[in-house]
Amino acid sequence: MHTQNFMTKYSMKNRFLPIKSITTIMSQAKGVFVYPFSILLILVALSSCKKDNKVGGELQPDSDKVSGNVVDTFSIRAKTVKVDSVRSDEGFRSLLGEYYDPVFGPTKASLFLQYRPSQVQVDFGDPNNLTLDSLVMSLPFTVGTSYYGRNSLRANNLDRVSFKIYRATTNVFASDSVYSNGTIRSTSGVKQFTYDENNPVGEATIYTPNAQDTLEIGSNTEPPQLRIKLDSTFGQQLLTAGAGVYDNQLAFIQYLNGLVIVPEDNNYFLDAGQIMFIDPESSFNRMTMHYRIDDGAGQNAETYEFVLNDSSSYFNLYEHDYSMAPFQMNLDDYEGGREKLYLQAMGGTRVTLEIPHIENFFDDFEGGVIINRAELLLPVEQNDGYNRIAQLSIGQFDSSRTLFTIPDAVEGTSHLDGFYDTTNTRYRFNVTRYVQNLFLNYESGENAKFEVALLASGEGVNATRSVLAGYDPTSGAKPKMKIIYTPVN
């Protein structure tokens, strides 16, 4: 039927639709890939269309034994690129801490938390009869992996860490999109996050952070956590702020929009420190106010909690100091990518990789070509005691240089891959559909440039990094594109 050619072209060229940037998809929704339901309907409809054999639209399923002609001699070039920022709000975990990476240099993660009243319409009574005992912030570690640093660290004996806590001076809401450089985007516009850096409301040095052992708090057993005692003056202000502040949630966040925890004065040497993973959804993530009420007959001890609820905003601010990094002088420079390529999460660095002359390969197929399998192989050059990025993501650029997922990502990770292969010390991507699309673009006279970005999966909530082999190293393996194909005569 007349629709077959159209469906073939559409299914291969436009299966991937520009839904969201890859960074947002990977960092949000608790690490789950999210595609609009309407897109899934389109994909199901397109899969029912028969494909025209002329252009080789048929792709062999991953489960089939792949055979055909093989070519793996493509010229590749790549470069390390510094990231401006990544989306860092409302992730499934929050990062906090600082460490001195021997390759990438100092890295810092600050954390904003918007605690809200556990109960509203509360009247603590006459301020003259109220005395604060303590105000304590509890920051529970995530279950499982609870930090990132050198491998010699033990979960129950992390490096010393110092913090200061500040009041936010910018209104932030859970509906806002917040980025790791402090940019806040909302329906009302764009603004920059700020806090009162001259007046900390708390500071602490934790000499032996313990991410493994439970704590006995009163008569309760609580999960491993950081505990920070805040300034008593600040706590007294919360206690005596007046009933109006506690009338409702909005009234309170207008009084106290949130607190930012900033690692400061650590002065780490090489390999020292760590980035800790905090659970923002734990019921133990809270501020607890201990106070006494003088009722004339005696002092009555009471407690009140400030919690993170569904309306709370929380996000990370990330800082990287690349002044001493080996790639500092060669950022965004293909010449600098010859020996090594550098990937770091937390809005650090990505890699841009291209195959400049893939059109020369397409020139040989006037009748069309079936791409049976196209694999991008990325050797790792790293043996320094730091865990590598467990999984990379790959994206393509549109005409405005916005980053999007490639068509192969729609098939899921079992097809796309991107996981670190410990046996072969490399990453592998299945880019079959992406390369087939490039051929269709080439055949129709459109742009057929192979250019992708490589980045850490979930880089907004990920602290890891990897060093890849450069595209033209003086020794050792280098990135390779391997295509198995069948010409259509």
Foldseek 3Di string as FASTA:
>chain_A
DVCQAVLLLCCLQPLDDCDDFQLVQQQDPQRDGDDDPVSVVVNVVSVPRDHDPQAQSDADDPVDDDFFDKDWPFFKFKFKAFFPWGFWKPGQWAKAKWAQAPFFGIKGKKKWWFWFFPAFLDFLDDLVFKAFDFKKFKWAADPDDWWFFFQVDDQFFAAKFKKFKWFWPDADWQQWTAIQAQWIQDPVGIDGTDTDVVDTFFMDIDGGQHNQDWDCDPPDTGHRTDMTITHRVVLSCVSNVGNQCRNDRVSVCVVGVIMMMTTDDPPDDYRHMIMTITRQPDQRRWMKIWMWGCPPVDTDIDITITHHDPTMMMTMHMDTDRVPHPCVVPHPHRVSQQFKYKAWFRSGMKMKMWRAPCVVVLVVFPSHKHFHWKKKKWAFDDDDRGDAQQFKAKWDADPVRRTDHASQPVVPCVQQPRGQDPVRRIGMGTRRSVQSNLSSCVNVVHDSIGMMMMHRRSSSNDGHMTMIGGSNHPDDDGIIMMTGMDHDD
